[in-house]
Structures are given as structure tokens and as C-alpha cells.
Amino acid sequence: MNYVIATQFSRTPSARIESEGKFPGEKLREIITPMLKACIQKKEEFWIDLDGTAGYGTSFLEEVFGGLIRVEHIDYKDLRDWLKIKSDEEEELIEECWSYIEDAENAKD
């Protein structure tokens, strides 16, 4: 399954939570979580495409990706196996997103 943020969510993602902006990371996480969980259950890759937007704030990305562990309680190994992050425009964003997932996983200890 593929989810393209720029066309399926917004070309202008904003802040962490809804009270801070119109297209927050919290909302995107709530949208993609059921799709991601369905892919994990079917053992299928879930691709999230970061290209085509005006850019991302760190709080937005942390809320989406760190929140998969912190809020949605998705298993880290399942994320590693089935979540795929695409960014041809800014490849460093892929590593940044994974760092938020890893930080959330390490904070559980």
C-alpha cells in the first residue's frame, strides 16, 4: 500500500497537534495507523511518500513517526519489517523519521 502525503493529506503539513495548525502530524498519524496496522497484519509493505510537500517541521515528523510507538503502540519490529519511508527530494528525511521511531522505542525502557 502507498500513501502520498502531498496528494492524500496536504502539500502544506503543519505542526504537531490540531490546535497548532490545519494539517498536524497528529491527524496524519491517526489516518495512516489503521492502514499501517492492516498491512502489518497482512504482512505487506506500507509505503509513505514524503515528496511533493512544502516541507516538514520536526514536531510534525516526530508526532507522526514517534507517535506510532508512543501513542499507537505499534511494535518496533513490525515497523522495521513493514513500514517503508520514501523521500527522493530530501533523502535525509528517511533517517530523521526512523530516528524518531527509535527514540520513542528507546524511551519505553
C-alpha atoms as a PDB file:
ATOM      1  CA  MET A   1       0.000   0.000   0.000  1.00  0.00           C
ATOM      2  CA  ASN A   2       1.196   3.504  -0.805  1.00  0.00           C
ATOM      3  CA  TYR A   3       0.285   6.737   0.947  1.00  0.00           C
ATOM      4  CA  VAL A   4       1.432  10.006  -0.639  1.00  0.00           C
ATOM      5  CA  ILE A   5       1.292  12.822   1.903  1.00  0.00           C
ATOM      6  CA  ALA A   6       1.236  15.626  -0.707  1.00  0.00           C
ATOM      7  CA  THR A   7      -1.816  14.280  -2.548  1.00  0.00           C
ATOM      8  CA  GLN A   8      -3.655  12.316   0.134  1.00  0.00           C
ATOM      9  CA  PHE A   9      -3.115  14.610   3.132  1.00  0.00           C
ATOM     10  CA  SER A  10      -1.700  18.058   2.342  1.00  0.00           C
ATOM     11  CA  ARG A  11       1.020  19.842   0.405  1.00  0.00           C
ATOM     12  CA  THR A  12       1.450  22.025   3.498  1.00  0.00           C
ATOM     13  CA  PRO A  13       1.739  19.802   6.584  1.00  0.00           C
ATOM     14  CA  SER A  14       1.942  21.923   9.712  1.00  0.00           C
ATOM     15  CA  ALA A  15       2.575  21.398  13.400  1.00  0.00           C
ATOM     16  CA  ARG A  16       2.335  18.609  15.943  1.00  0.00           C
ATOM     17  CA  ILE A  17      -1.304  18.840  17.060  1.00  0.00           C
ATOM     18  CA  GLU A  18      -4.536  20.234  15.643  1.00  0.00           C
ATOM     19  CA  SER A  19      -4.659  23.295  17.898  1.00  0.00           C
ATOM     20  CA  GLU A  20      -1.318  24.396  16.397  1.00  0.00           C
ATOM     21  CA  GLY A  21      -2.182  24.155  12.705  1.00  0.00           C
ATOM     22  CA  LYS A  22      -4.543  22.955   9.999  1.00  0.00           C
ATOM     23  CA  PHE A  23      -2.688  19.795   8.874  1.00  0.00           C
ATOM     24  CA  PRO A  24      -0.954  18.440  12.002  1.00  0.00           C
ATOM     25  CA  GLY A  25       1.146  15.331  12.443  1.00  0.00           C
ATOM     26  CA  GLU A  26      -1.379  14.024  14.965  1.00  0.00           C
ATOM     27  CA  LYS A  27      -4.064  13.900  12.249  1.00  0.00           C
ATOM     28  CA  LEU A  28      -1.816  12.209   9.698  1.00  0.00           C
ATOM     29  CA  ARG A  29      -0.814   9.582  12.266  1.00  0.00           C
ATOM     30  CA  GLU A  30      -4.487   8.903  13.022  1.00  0.00           C
ATOM     31  CA  ILE A  31      -5.168   8.471   9.286  1.00  0.00           C
ATOM     32  CA  ILE A  32      -2.264   6.159   8.479  1.00  0.00           C
ATOM     33  CA  THR A  33      -2.356   3.984  11.615  1.00  0.00           C
ATOM     34  CA  PRO A  34      -5.299   1.769  10.558  1.00  0.00           C
ATOM     35  CA  MET A  35      -3.782   1.336   7.080  1.00  0.00           C
ATOM     36  CA  LEU A  36      -0.374   0.514   8.532  1.00  0.00           C
ATOM     37  CA  LYS A  37      -1.842  -1.972  11.015  1.00  0.00           C
ATOM     38  CA  ALA A  38      -3.783  -3.673   8.202  1.00  0.00           C
ATOM     39  CA  CYS A  39      -0.584  -4.007   6.173  1.00  0.00           C
ATOM     40  CA  ILE A  40       1.288  -5.449   9.158  1.00  0.00           C
ATOM     41  CA  GLN A  41      -1.485  -7.960   9.711  1.00  0.00           C
ATOM     42  CA  LYS A  42      -1.372  -8.999   6.014  1.00  0.00           C
ATOM     43  CA  LYS A  43       2.450  -8.919   6.028  1.00  0.00           C
ATOM     44  CA  GLU A  44       2.509  -6.286   3.292  1.00  0.00           C
ATOM     45  CA  GLU A  45       4.717  -3.228   2.995  1.00  0.00           C
ATOM     46  CA  PHE A  46       3.208   0.165   3.794  1.00  0.00           C
ATOM     47  CA  TRP A  47       4.971   2.931   1.854  1.00  0.00           C
ATOM     48  CA  ILE A  48       4.675   6.531   2.980  1.00  0.00           C
ATOM     49  CA  ASP A  49       5.899   9.064   0.434  1.00  0.00           C
ATOM     50  CA  LEU A  50       7.218  12.345   1.832  1.00  0.00           C
ATOM     51  CA  ASP A  51       7.854  14.025  -1.547  1.00  0.00           C
ATOM     52  CA  GLY A  52       5.878  16.909  -3.030  1.00  0.00           C
ATOM     53  CA  THR A  53       5.147  18.981   0.065  1.00  0.00           C
ATOM     54  CA  ALA A  54       6.324  22.453   1.047  1.00  0.00           C
ATOM     55  CA  GLY A  55       8.427  20.844   3.791  1.00  0.00           C
ATOM     56  CA  TYR A  56       8.175  19.353   7.279  1.00  0.00           C
ATOM     57  CA  GLY A  57       8.732  20.636  10.762  1.00  0.00           C
ATOM     58  CA  THR A  58      10.479  18.368  13.223  1.00  0.00           C
ATOM     59  CA  SER A  59       7.478  18.376  15.558  1.00  0.00           C
ATOM     60  CA  PHE A  60       5.228  17.181  12.712  1.00  0.00           C
ATOM     61  CA  LEU A  61       7.533  14.288  11.824  1.00  0.00           C
ATOM     62  CA  GLU A  62       8.125  13.316  15.448  1.00  0.00           C
ATOM     63  CA  GLU A  63       4.389  13.234  16.114  1.00  0.00           C
ATOM     64  CA  VAL A  64       3.718  11.046  13.086  1.00  0.00           C
ATOM     65  CA  PHE A  65       6.613   8.621  13.372  1.00  0.00           C
ATOM     66  CA  GLY A  66       7.497   8.658  17.073  1.00  0.00           C
ATOM     67  CA  GLY A  67       3.773   8.552  17.788  1.00  0.00           C
ATOM     68  CA  LEU A  68       3.466   5.194  16.031  1.00  0.00           C
ATOM     69  CA  ILE A  69       5.304   3.736  19.035  1.00  0.00           C
ATOM     70  CA  ARG A  70       4.448   6.245  21.781  1.00  0.00           C
ATOM     71  CA  VAL A  71       0.717   6.687  21.084  1.00  0.00           C
ATOM     72  CA  GLU A  72      -0.347   3.864  18.770  1.00  0.00           C
ATOM     73  CA  HIS A  73       1.832   1.207  20.469  1.00  0.00           C
ATOM     74  CA  ILE A  74       2.853  -0.445  17.207  1.00  0.00           C
ATOM     75  CA  ASP A  75       5.625  -2.965  17.685  1.00  0.00           C
ATOM     76  CA  TYR A  76       9.060  -1.663  16.673  1.00  0.00           C
ATOM     77  CA  LYS A  77       9.954  -4.871  14.822  1.00  0.00           C
ATOM     78  CA  ASP A  78       6.723  -4.667  12.833  1.00  0.00           C
ATOM     79  CA  LEU A  79       7.578  -1.100  11.835  1.00  0.00           C
ATOM     80  CA  ARG A  80      11.068  -2.159  10.786  1.00  0.00           C
ATOM     81  CA  ASP A  81       9.658  -5.045   8.730  1.00  0.00           C
ATOM     82  CA  TRP A  82       6.673  -3.362   7.062  1.00  0.00           C
ATOM     83  CA  LEU A  83       6.969   0.456   7.157  1.00  0.00           C
ATOM     84  CA  LYS A  84       8.856   1.928   4.208  1.00  0.00           C
ATOM     85  CA  ILE A  85       9.563   5.647   4.011  1.00  0.00           C
ATOM     86  CA  LYS A  86      10.233   7.286   0.633  1.00  0.00           C
ATOM     87  CA  SER A  87      11.812  10.670   0.019  1.00  0.00           C
ATOM     88  CA  ASP A  88      13.642  11.243  -3.238  1.00  0.00           C
ATOM     89  CA  GLU A  89      13.616  15.024  -2.738  1.00  0.00           C
ATOM     90  CA  GLU A  90      15.185  15.007   0.734  1.00  0.00           C
ATOM     91  CA  GLU A  91      16.695  11.592   1.431  1.00  0.00           C
ATOM     92  CA  GLU A  92      17.884  12.664   4.889  1.00  0.00           C
ATOM     93  CA  LEU A  93      14.220  12.797   5.981  1.00  0.00           C
ATOM     94  CA  ILE A  94      14.084   8.989   5.891  1.00  0.00           C
ATOM     95  CA  GLU A  95      16.799   8.705   8.529  1.00  0.00           C
ATOM     96  CA  GLU A  96      15.207  11.515  10.544  1.00  0.00           C
ATOM     97  CA  CYS A  97      11.837   9.717  10.628  1.00  0.00           C
ATOM     98  CA  TRP A  98      13.474   6.462  11.728  1.00  0.00           C
ATOM     99  CA  SER A  99      15.351   8.344  14.456  1.00  0.00           C
ATOM    100  CA  TYR A 100      12.011   9.485  15.919  1.00  0.00           C
ATOM    101  CA  ILE A 101      10.741   5.894  15.880  1.00  0.00           C
ATOM    102  CA  GLU A 102      13.928   4.649  17.526  1.00  0.00           C
ATOM    103  CA  ASP A 103      13.875   7.417  20.151  1.00  0.00           C
ATOM    104  CA  ALA A 104      10.275   6.533  21.053  1.00  0.00           C
ATOM    105  CA  GLU A 105      11.197   2.846  21.284  1.00  0.00           C
ATOM    106  CA  ASN A 106      14.215   3.586  23.496  1.00  0.00           C
ATOM    107  CA  ALA A 107      12.125   5.849  25.753  1.00  0.00           C
ATOM    108  CA  LYS A 108       9.901   2.873  26.630  1.00  0.00           C
ATOM    109  CA  ASP A 109      12.687   1.280  28.672  1.00  0.00           C
END
